[in-house]
Every structure is written in structure tokens, then in C-alpha cells.
């Protein structure tokens, strides 16, 4: 009963500054990005509930793929294919676009997965990828790495793809506020779960989250962002026009 109440409360405040992840916004930004760049036959790796499909033309050719230990067990995913991203059961050069959002950090073999993506992309095909940089451990224990902007570009290029665009997802003020809110929210949630007397401070935590969220939002509009601090990155990369790739002549 208590858990159900907390779930309803979280749903109620999700779009307000009282929610720890309010500064992230919804999926609107990612949806517009995908709609503006995804073309042709699209593979969505880590598709979860296949929300990416809704961003594409109704007559588009979409394939959703997820991994059983995370997609099926944690998220109740409904993909077309269950598979490991580092061993895709797909033929060479069979997709125009590969979408992989907030997934690379959960892969035991991320470089192998990037190589597989390069393999299945058609010449001039495009990779649309997002990955967190400053964000708490999540989906534990399936959370293995974070990459800087330079590390992410390096790994994508080593897979044989050309980085076209690589941008931060969130400004530095908003990122700092987000991390602070997640810390306050996480500590408060832990107090509830451990039946700690500290739960009496829960109302104060809620006030703190609202103040931090609004303060970070305002600061982000008063000062220029510092690129060294961001919650994560969005990357668009492309495959060369020639079908020759790594390991091919």
C-alpha cells in the first residue's frame, strides 16, 4: 500500500520542480532529434517500450531490439528481437539508421557493440547515440562505464564511423542542480527503505529539491554553460559511402 502511494505521488509531481529529474525534461528533445535525423530502415537498440517508433513516419521500417536481463526483467520491453548488442543476429549493411539511447553504459563490451553497429549500417547510414556522463549508477548491476566527450568520439571512430555532431544534453548549471536533487532524493528514499528516523526530514528534502531545481534553471539562463560539466551527450555519426569497413578490403 505504501509503495503504491509513493508511486502515485511520484507520478503526480513528475512534471513539476518537486521531482528530482525535472531539469532533464521529458523525451521531447530526444524525440525531435530522432525525427529529424532517422531515415530509412531503423534499428532501435535498447528499445524498451518502443517509444522511438512513435517518432518515425507511420509507414517506416522499424525494428526494436533489447537484452533480456535488462529489457525483459527490468523494463518489460516488447522488442521484435531479444539479443546481445555485441553479437547482433543481423546481416551486414541492412539498416539505414541505428538508434541507441542511454544504452552504451550498460554494455559489458561497448566497443564490440559499436563494431556491430558499423557492420550492419549501410554505406552513408547513420548512428544516433546518447550516453550519460555525470549521472548516478542505475539499472544496477548492469552499469559499467561513463565516457568523456573525447572518449566517446574515440570509440565511435575506432569502430569505423565518422562523428558528425557531438553535443552536451544539458547545460552545466542544470546538470549541477540535477545531481544535487538526485542526491537529496536518493538519500530520502533510502531513509524510507531503511525505516530510518531521518524520514522526518522528508518534507524538508522536498522543499530543497524545489529550490535547487528552480535555482539551477534560473542560473542556466543567466550564465553561459561550461562544457566540462554535462549530464551526457548526443552523438550523430555516419558510415563512409564505400562499403569497405574495418577488417574488409
Protein backbone atom coordinates (compact mmCIF):
# COMPACT_ATOMS: atom_id res chain seq x y z
CA UNK A 1 0.00 0.00 0.00
CA UNK A 2 2.81 2.40 0.97
CA UNK A 3 4.72 1.62 -2.23
CA UNK A 4 1.59 2.24 -4.31
CA UNK A 5 1.05 5.60 -2.61
CA UNK A 6 4.66 6.65 -3.29
CA UNK A 7 4.27 5.62 -6.95
CA UNK A 8 1.15 7.77 -7.35
CA UNK A 9 2.86 10.69 -5.60
CA UNK A 10 5.88 10.48 -7.91
CA UNK A 11 3.61 10.34 -10.97
CA UNK A 12 1.80 13.45 -9.70
CA UNK A 13 4.96 15.54 -9.27
CA UNK A 14 6.92 14.17 -12.26
CA UNK A 15 6.45 17.32 -14.37
CA UNK A 16 6.93 19.79 -11.53
CA UNK A 17 10.09 21.21 -9.88
CA UNK A 18 9.36 18.92 -6.93
CA UNK A 19 10.68 15.96 -8.97
CA UNK A 20 14.44 15.28 -8.71
CA UNK A 21 14.76 14.86 -12.51
CA UNK A 22 12.64 17.86 -13.51
CA UNK A 23 15.64 19.61 -15.10
CA UNK A 24 16.06 16.73 -17.55
CA UNK A 25 12.68 17.46 -19.07
CA UNK A 26 10.75 14.75 -20.88
CA UNK A 27 11.56 12.82 -24.03
CA UNK A 28 10.54 15.70 -26.27
CA UNK A 29 14.07 16.82 -27.12
CA UNK A 30 15.25 13.31 -27.95
CA UNK A 31 12.07 12.65 -29.93
CA UNK A 32 12.58 15.74 -32.10
CA UNK A 33 16.25 14.84 -32.60
CA UNK A 34 15.37 11.33 -33.76
CA UNK A 35 12.54 12.52 -36.00
CA UNK A 36 14.90 14.98 -37.67
CA UNK A 37 17.74 12.53 -38.32
CA UNK A 38 16.47 8.94 -38.53
CA UNK A 39 15.76 7.75 -42.06
CA UNK A 40 15.04 4.52 -43.91
CA UNK A 41 15.15 1.22 -42.07
CA UNK A 42 15.72 1.91 -38.35
CA UNK A 43 17.13 -0.39 -35.65
CA UNK A 44 16.43 0.71 -32.07
CA UNK A 45 18.88 -0.98 -29.67
CA UNK A 46 17.57 -0.98 -26.09
CA UNK A 47 14.08 -0.17 -27.33
CA UNK A 48 12.19 -0.77 -24.02
CA UNK A 49 8.54 0.11 -24.80
CA UNK A 50 9.48 1.15 -28.38
CA UNK A 51 8.71 4.84 -27.82
CA UNK A 52 11.22 5.71 -30.58
CA UNK A 53 8.86 4.08 -33.09
CA UNK A 54 6.34 6.85 -32.45
CA UNK A 55 8.90 9.44 -33.61
CA UNK A 56 9.18 7.87 -37.07
CA UNK A 57 6.84 8.00 -40.08
CA UNK A 58 3.91 5.61 -39.76
CA UNK A 59 4.98 3.74 -42.87
CA UNK A 60 8.62 3.48 -41.72
CA UNK A 61 10.51 0.20 -41.31
CA UNK A 62 11.31 -0.06 -37.59
CA UNK A 63 12.95 -2.92 -35.69
CA UNK A 64 13.19 -2.85 -31.88
CA UNK A 65 15.88 -4.85 -30.09
CA UNK A 66 16.51 -5.35 -26.37
CA UNK A 67 18.51 -7.53 -23.99
CA UNK A 68 16.61 -9.97 -21.72
CA UNK A 69 18.38 -9.31 -18.35
CA UNK A 70 17.60 -5.59 -18.55
CA UNK A 71 14.90 -5.09 -21.17
CA UNK A 72 12.68 -8.01 -20.20
CA UNK A 73 13.33 -8.25 -16.47
CA UNK A 74 13.63 -4.55 -15.54
CA UNK A 75 11.50 -2.77 -18.12
CA UNK A 76 9.06 -5.28 -19.53
CA UNK A 77 10.34 -4.46 -23.01
CA UNK A 78 8.43 -5.56 -26.10
CA UNK A 79 11.07 -5.72 -28.85
CA UNK A 80 10.93 -7.54 -32.16
CA UNK A 81 14.23 -9.20 -31.24
CA UNK A 82 15.90 -10.13 -27.96
CA UNK A 83 19.68 -10.15 -28.47
CA UNK A 84 23.07 -9.00 -27.20
CA UNK A 85 24.17 -5.73 -28.84
CA UNK A 86 27.72 -7.02 -29.11
CA UNK A 87 26.51 -10.00 -31.22
CA UNK A 88 23.69 -8.75 -33.41
CA UNK A 89 21.83 -11.52 -35.30
CA UNK A 90 21.51 -9.26 -38.34
CA UNK A 91 23.09 -9.29 -41.78
CA UNK A 92 25.73 -6.82 -42.95
CA UNK A 93 24.61 -3.41 -44.24
CA UNK A 94 20.92 -4.00 -43.56
CA UNK A 95 19.93 -0.73 -41.77
CA UNK A 96 19.98 2.96 -42.68
CA UNK A 97 19.82 4.21 -39.09
CA UNK A 98 20.75 2.73 -35.72
CA UNK A 99 19.36 4.40 -32.59
CA UNK A 100 20.98 3.53 -29.25
CA UNK A 101 19.90 5.84 -26.42
CA UNK A 102 21.27 5.58 -22.86
CA UNK A 103 22.40 2.01 -23.52
CA UNK A 104 26.16 2.03 -24.10
CA UNK A 105 26.89 2.42 -20.37
CA UNK A 106 25.05 -0.86 -19.72
CA UNK A 107 27.05 -2.99 -22.15
CA UNK A 108 29.85 -5.27 -21.00
CA UNK A 109 31.50 -5.00 -24.43
CA UNK A 110 30.66 -1.49 -25.72
CA UNK A 111 33.41 -1.47 -28.36
CA UNK A 112 32.16 -4.76 -29.78
CA UNK A 113 28.64 -3.30 -29.95
CA UNK A 114 29.88 -0.23 -31.84
CA UNK A 115 31.68 -2.54 -34.26
CA UNK A 116 28.47 -4.49 -34.80
CA UNK A 117 26.57 -1.26 -35.44
CA UNK A 118 29.14 -0.24 -38.05
CA UNK A 119 28.79 -3.68 -39.65
CA UNK A 120 25.01 -3.58 -40.06
CA UNK A 121 24.82 0.04 -41.20
CA UNK A 122 24.51 0.60 -44.91
CA UNK A 123 27.00 2.93 -46.62
CA UNK A 124 26.16 6.52 -45.58
CA UNK A 125 23.98 5.07 -42.81
CA UNK A 126 23.72 6.96 -39.55
CA UNK A 127 24.20 6.19 -35.86
CA UNK A 128 22.18 8.22 -33.33
CA UNK A 129 23.57 7.64 -29.84
CA UNK A 130 23.15 9.19 -26.41
CA UNK A 131 25.10 8.34 -23.28
CA UNK A 132 25.25 9.77 -19.75
CA UNK A 133 28.41 11.39 -18.41
CA UNK A 134 27.52 12.78 -14.96
CA UNK A 135 24.67 10.61 -13.75
CA UNK A 136 24.23 8.13 -10.85
CA UNK A 137 24.64 4.39 -11.20
CA UNK A 138 21.35 2.92 -12.43
CA UNK A 139 19.96 -0.45 -13.51
CA UNK A 140 22.49 -1.98 -11.12
CA UNK A 141 24.45 -4.19 -11.54
CA UNK A 142 24.28 -3.61 -15.30
CA UNK A 143 26.02 -0.22 -15.33
CA UNK A 144 29.66 -0.42 -16.37
CA UNK A 145 31.09 2.84 -17.72
CA UNK A 146 30.91 6.55 -18.45
CA UNK A 147 32.86 8.27 -21.23
CA UNK A 148 34.06 11.84 -21.67
CA UNK A 149 33.26 13.63 -24.91
CA UNK A 150 36.72 12.67 -26.18
CA UNK A 151 36.42 9.03 -25.14
CA UNK A 152 33.04 8.69 -26.83
CA UNK A 153 34.34 10.20 -30.08
CA UNK A 154 37.41 7.94 -29.94
CA UNK A 155 35.39 4.75 -29.53
CA UNK A 156 32.93 5.61 -32.30
CA UNK A 157 35.75 6.50 -34.69
CA UNK A 158 37.65 3.31 -33.83
CA UNK A 159 34.54 1.38 -34.89
CA UNK A 160 34.94 2.89 -38.36
CA UNK A 161 32.32 5.64 -38.18
CA UNK A 162 32.70 9.40 -38.67
CA UNK A 163 31.44 11.64 -35.88
CA UNK A 164 29.27 14.36 -37.45
CA UNK A 165 27.78 16.00 -34.35
CA UNK A 166 28.57 15.58 -30.66
CA UNK A 167 26.77 17.88 -28.23
CA UNK A 168 26.01 18.05 -24.48
CA UNK A 169 22.47 17.12 -23.48
CA UNK A 170 22.17 19.58 -20.58
CA UNK A 171 23.94 22.77 -19.50
CA UNK A 172 26.35 22.87 -16.57
CA UNK A 173 24.04 24.74 -14.16
CA UNK A 174 21.15 22.38 -14.86
CA UNK A 175 23.45 19.35 -14.55
CA UNK A 176 24.77 20.52 -11.17
CA UNK A 177 21.20 21.06 -9.98
CA UNK A 178 20.12 17.67 -11.28
CA UNK A 179 22.91 15.83 -9.45
CA UNK A 180 22.15 17.71 -6.22
CA UNK A 181 18.43 16.89 -6.49
CA UNK A 182 19.14 13.22 -7.23
CA UNK A 183 21.42 13.07 -4.19
CA UNK A 184 18.76 14.58 -1.92
CA UNK A 185 16.05 12.37 -3.40
CA UNK A 186 18.21 9.24 -3.20
CA UNK A 187 19.11 9.83 0.44
CA UNK A 188 15.47 10.47 1.34
CA UNK A 189 14.34 7.33 -0.46
CA UNK A 190 16.99 5.33 1.39
CA UNK A 191 15.70 6.70 4.68
CA UNK A 192 12.23 5.38 3.83
CA UNK A 193 13.56 1.99 2.73
CA UNK A 194 15.66 1.52 5.86
CA UNK A 195 12.96 2.88 8.18
CA UNK A 196 15.41 5.49 9.38
CA UNK A 197 14.24 8.20 11.80
CA UNK A 198 15.57 10.62 9.19
CA UNK A 199 12.28 10.27 7.31
CA UNK A 200 11.03 13.16 9.44
CA UNK A 201 13.16 15.38 7.22
CA UNK A 202 11.36 14.25 4.05
CA UNK A 203 9.27 17.47 3.78
CA UNK A 204 12.49 19.49 4.06
CA UNK A 205 14.03 17.38 1.29
CA UNK A 206 11.06 18.15 -0.96
CA UNK A 207 11.48 21.87 -0.36
CA UNK A 208 15.23 21.59 -1.05
CA UNK A 209 14.58 19.84 -4.38
CA UNK A 210 12.17 22.57 -5.49
CA UNK A 211 14.61 25.34 -4.52
CA UNK A 212 17.59 23.63 -6.21
CA UNK A 213 15.63 22.92 -9.38
CA UNK A 214 14.36 26.48 -9.75
CA UNK A 215 17.73 28.00 -8.80
CA UNK A 216 19.65 25.85 -11.30
CA UNK A 217 17.08 26.60 -14.03
CA UNK A 218 17.46 30.36 -13.43
CA UNK A 219 21.25 30.22 -13.24
CA UNK A 220 21.37 28.34 -16.52
CA UNK A 221 19.66 31.29 -18.18
CA UNK A 222 21.86 33.93 -16.57
CA UNK A 223 25.29 32.41 -17.21
CA UNK A 224 26.86 30.62 -20.19
CA UNK A 225 27.24 26.87 -19.80
CA UNK A 226 30.61 25.29 -19.05
CA UNK A 227 31.07 22.35 -21.43
CA UNK A 228 33.19 20.38 -18.93
CA UNK A 229 30.04 19.60 -16.92
CA UNK A 230 27.03 17.96 -18.53
CA UNK A 231 24.66 15.12 -17.74
CA UNK A 232 25.51 13.39 -21.02
CA UNK A 233 25.99 13.60 -24.77
CA UNK A 234 24.12 13.14 -28.02
CA UNK A 235 26.15 11.92 -30.96
CA UNK A 236 25.36 11.53 -34.65
CA UNK A 237 27.87 9.55 -36.71
CA UNK A 238 27.87 8.21 -40.25
CA UNK A 239 29.34 5.35 -42.22
CA UNK A 240 31.52 6.10 -45.24
CA UNK A 241 29.91 5.88 -48.70
CA UNK A 242 32.18 2.95 -49.52
CA UNK A 243 31.07 -0.42 -48.15
CA UNK A 244 34.63 -1.16 -47.07
CA UNK A 245 34.88 -1.11 -43.29
CA UNK A 246 37.23 -2.27 -40.55
CA UNK A 247 38.68 -5.63 -41.42
CA UNK A 248 37.38 -5.55 -45.01
CA UNK A 249 39.33 -4.94 -48.20
